[in-house]
Amino acid sequence: MLQVVFRRDSRNRLSSVFASGHVEISATSSDEYSLVCAAVSAILQSARLGLEAHVKVPLDATQRSGDLNLRWPHSSREDQRVQAIVDTARLGIMQIGSQYPQHIGVTEEFEP
């Protein structure tokens, strides 16, 4: 199962996203589920590119097979461009998660 967590800071601003896992695909299933995993990955990669290339946000990012963690600094969280990019990614992934809840878990939480 693919888990995606969007975190908010104490001021209710999106502050980070963590994605881990893969969509488990049985040998008898269709390619539909591999496309689900690819769609989530594409959305998160696009958000990362938008933040880094267009808004020039210095992300704290780690990425390896099955894991992507993005965190942006406090100073950029009020930027409407940052909010638009990250919230659009959140909405897209939540929509996919609602269509495939057996394969994608999407949660929102506050920073510890």
C-alpha atoms as a PDB file:
ATOM      1  CA  MET A   1       0.000   0.000   0.000  1.00  0.00           C
ATOM      2  CA  LEU A   2       1.115   3.526  -0.758  1.00  0.00           C
ATOM      3  CA  GLN A   3       0.875   5.923   2.190  1.00  0.00           C
ATOM      4  CA  VAL A   4       0.927   9.697   1.707  1.00  0.00           C
ATOM      5  CA  VAL A   5       0.944  12.053   4.688  1.00  0.00           C
ATOM      6  CA  PHE A   6       0.503  15.803   4.382  1.00  0.00           C
ATOM      7  CA  ARG A   7       1.588  17.708   7.474  1.00  0.00           C
ATOM      8  CA  ARG A   8       0.530  21.124   8.689  1.00  0.00           C
ATOM      9  CA  ASP A   9       2.372  23.394  11.075  1.00  0.00           C
ATOM     10  CA  SER A  10       0.966  25.067  14.180  1.00  0.00           C
ATOM     11  CA  ARG A  11      -0.523  27.816  11.988  1.00  0.00           C
ATOM     12  CA  ASN A  12      -2.384  25.235   9.849  1.00  0.00           C
ATOM     13  CA  ARG A  13      -0.106  25.786   6.844  1.00  0.00           C
ATOM     14  CA  LEU A  14       1.010  22.812   4.782  1.00  0.00           C
ATOM     15  CA  SER A  15       4.615  22.187   5.760  1.00  0.00           C
ATOM     16  CA  SER A  16       5.667  18.803   4.397  1.00  0.00           C
ATOM     17  CA  VAL A  17       4.625  15.667   2.572  1.00  0.00           C
ATOM     18  CA  PHE A  18       5.826  12.111   3.099  1.00  0.00           C
ATOM     19  CA  ALA A  19       5.094   9.270   0.692  1.00  0.00           C
ATOM     20  CA  SER A  20       6.178   5.685   1.171  1.00  0.00           C
ATOM     21  CA  GLY A  21       5.411   2.276  -0.225  1.00  0.00           C
ATOM     22  CA  HIS A  22       4.098   0.971  -3.491  1.00  0.00           C
ATOM     23  CA  VAL A  23       0.760  -0.139  -4.792  1.00  0.00           C
ATOM     24  CA  GLU A  24       0.784  -3.914  -4.435  1.00  0.00           C
ATOM     25  CA  ILE A  25      -0.076  -5.462  -7.757  1.00  0.00           C
ATOM     26  CA  SER A  26      -0.917  -9.140  -8.054  1.00  0.00           C
ATOM     27  CA  ALA A  27       0.116 -11.103 -11.120  1.00  0.00           C
ATOM     28  CA  THR A  28      -3.525 -11.267 -12.206  1.00  0.00           C
ATOM     29  CA  SER A  29      -4.341  -7.564 -11.809  1.00  0.00           C
ATOM     30  CA  SER A  30      -4.436  -5.031 -14.583  1.00  0.00           C
ATOM     31  CA  ASP A  31      -1.971  -2.250 -15.263  1.00  0.00           C
ATOM     32  CA  GLU A  32      -4.548   0.098 -13.760  1.00  0.00           C
ATOM     33  CA  TYR A  33      -2.917  -0.173 -10.337  1.00  0.00           C
ATOM     34  CA  SER A  34       0.593   0.504 -11.590  1.00  0.00           C
ATOM     35  CA  LEU A  35      -0.846   3.633 -13.198  1.00  0.00           C
ATOM     36  CA  VAL A  36      -2.281   4.670  -9.836  1.00  0.00           C
ATOM     37  CA  CYS A  37       1.172   4.503  -8.256  1.00  0.00           C
ATOM     38  CA  ALA A  38       2.696   6.336 -11.220  1.00  0.00           C
ATOM     39  CA  ALA A  39       0.038   9.061 -11.009  1.00  0.00           C
ATOM     40  CA  VAL A  40       0.782   9.778  -7.353  1.00  0.00           C
ATOM     41  CA  SER A  41       4.495   9.804  -8.080  1.00  0.00           C
ATOM     42  CA  ALA A  42       4.028  12.174 -11.023  1.00  0.00           C
ATOM     43  CA  ILE A  43       1.962  14.577  -8.930  1.00  0.00           C
ATOM     44  CA  LEU A  44       4.546  14.679  -6.146  1.00  0.00           C
ATOM     45  CA  GLN A  45       7.469  14.983  -8.565  1.00  0.00           C
ATOM     46  CA  SER A  46       5.691  17.839 -10.353  1.00  0.00           C
ATOM     47  CA  ALA A  47       5.091  19.612  -7.046  1.00  0.00           C
ATOM     48  CA  ARG A  48       8.769  19.233  -6.179  1.00  0.00           C
ATOM     49  CA  LEU A  49       9.848  20.591  -9.556  1.00  0.00           C
ATOM     50  CA  GLY A  50       7.443  23.521  -9.293  1.00  0.00           C
ATOM     51  CA  LEU A  51       8.693  24.448  -5.830  1.00  0.00           C
ATOM     52  CA  GLU A  52      12.371  24.132  -6.760  1.00  0.00           C
ATOM     53  CA  ALA A  53      12.408  25.452 -10.334  1.00  0.00           C
ATOM     54  CA  HIS A  54       9.726  28.127 -10.342  1.00  0.00           C
ATOM     55  CA  VAL A  55       9.419  29.359  -6.782  1.00  0.00           C
ATOM     56  CA  LYS A  56      13.053  28.566  -5.872  1.00  0.00           C
ATOM     57  CA  VAL A  57      12.128  27.077  -2.500  1.00  0.00           C
ATOM     58  CA  PRO A  58      15.093  25.400  -0.783  1.00  0.00           C
ATOM     59  CA  LEU A  59      13.484  22.059   0.003  1.00  0.00           C
ATOM     60  CA  ASP A  60      14.626  19.551   2.542  1.00  0.00           C
ATOM     61  CA  ALA A  61      14.071  16.548   0.268  1.00  0.00           C
ATOM     62  CA  THR A  62      14.957  12.884   0.369  1.00  0.00           C
ATOM     63  CA  GLN A  63      14.070  10.429  -2.335  1.00  0.00           C
ATOM     64  CA  ARG A  64      14.736   6.756  -2.923  1.00  0.00           C
ATOM     65  CA  SER A  65      12.744   3.882  -4.342  1.00  0.00           C
ATOM     66  CA  GLY A  66       9.385   3.850  -2.620  1.00  0.00           C
ATOM     67  CA  ASP A  67      10.002   6.976  -0.518  1.00  0.00           C
ATOM     68  CA  LEU A  68       9.731  10.702  -1.118  1.00  0.00           C
ATOM     69  CA  ASN A  69       9.890  13.260   1.687  1.00  0.00           C
ATOM     70  CA  LEU A  70       9.554  16.984   1.068  1.00  0.00           C
ATOM     71  CA  ARG A  71       9.665  19.760   3.633  1.00  0.00           C
ATOM     72  CA  TRP A  72       9.739  23.477   2.908  1.00  0.00           C
ATOM     73  CA  PRO A  73      10.967  26.221   5.241  1.00  0.00           C
ATOM     74  CA  HIS A  74       8.742  28.333   7.487  1.00  0.00           C
ATOM     75  CA  SER A  75       9.680  31.413   5.486  1.00  0.00           C
ATOM     76  CA  SER A  76       8.015  30.087   2.320  1.00  0.00           C
ATOM     77  CA  ARG A  77       4.766  28.788   3.813  1.00  0.00           C
ATOM     78  CA  GLU A  78       2.904  32.094   3.400  1.00  0.00           C
ATOM     79  CA  ASP A  79       3.900  32.336  -0.285  1.00  0.00           C
ATOM     80  CA  GLN A  80       0.714  31.901  -2.305  1.00  0.00           C
ATOM     81  CA  ARG A  81       2.650  30.122  -5.075  1.00  0.00           C
ATOM     82  CA  VAL A  82       3.907  27.533  -2.606  1.00  0.00           C
ATOM     83  CA  GLN A  83       0.431  27.095  -1.172  1.00  0.00           C
ATOM     84  CA  ALA A  84      -1.085  26.669  -4.655  1.00  0.00           C
ATOM     85  CA  ILE A  85       1.464  24.074  -5.764  1.00  0.00           C
ATOM     86  CA  VAL A  86       1.304  21.998  -2.585  1.00  0.00           C
ATOM     87  CA  ASP A  87      -2.448  22.198  -2.115  1.00  0.00           C
ATOM     88  CA  THR A  88      -3.048  21.233  -5.751  1.00  0.00           C
ATOM     89  CA  ALA A  89      -0.849  18.156  -5.208  1.00  0.00           C
ATOM     90  CA  ARG A  90      -2.764  17.381  -2.019  1.00  0.00           C
ATOM     91  CA  LEU A  91      -6.130  17.657  -3.768  1.00  0.00           C
ATOM     92  CA  GLY A  92      -5.006  15.482  -6.683  1.00  0.00           C
ATOM     93  CA  ILE A  93      -3.645  12.751  -4.442  1.00  0.00           C
ATOM     94  CA  MET A  94      -6.724  12.845  -2.213  1.00  0.00           C
ATOM     95  CA  GLN A  95      -8.902  12.376  -5.307  1.00  0.00           C
ATOM     96  CA  ILE A  96      -6.883   9.356  -6.429  1.00  0.00           C
ATOM     97  CA  GLY A  97      -6.938   8.012  -2.874  1.00  0.00           C
ATOM     98  CA  SER A  98     -10.727   8.265  -2.741  1.00  0.00           C
ATOM     99  CA  GLN A  99     -10.982   6.233  -5.943  1.00  0.00           C
ATOM    100  CA  TYR A 100      -8.471   3.570  -4.838  1.00  0.00           C
ATOM    101  CA  PRO A 101      -8.651   3.444  -1.017  1.00  0.00           C
ATOM    102  CA  GLN A 102      -7.506  -0.178  -0.955  1.00  0.00           C
ATOM    103  CA  HIS A 103      -4.179   0.872  -2.520  1.00  0.00           C
ATOM    104  CA  ILE A 104      -3.527   4.437  -1.318  1.00  0.00           C
ATOM    105  CA  GLY A 105      -3.837   5.843   2.162  1.00  0.00           C
ATOM    106  CA  VAL A 106      -3.874   9.643   2.365  1.00  0.00           C
ATOM    107  CA  THR A 107      -3.806  11.389   5.720  1.00  0.00           C
ATOM    108  CA  GLU A 108      -3.346  14.866   7.053  1.00  0.00           C
ATOM    109  CA  GLU A 109      -1.809  15.568  10.432  1.00  0.00           C
ATOM    110  CA  PHE A 110      -0.235  18.316  12.443  1.00  0.00           C
ATOM    111  CA  GLU A 111       3.507  18.402  13.048  1.00  0.00           C
ATOM    112  CA  PRO A 112       4.511  16.816  16.327  1.00  0.00           C
END
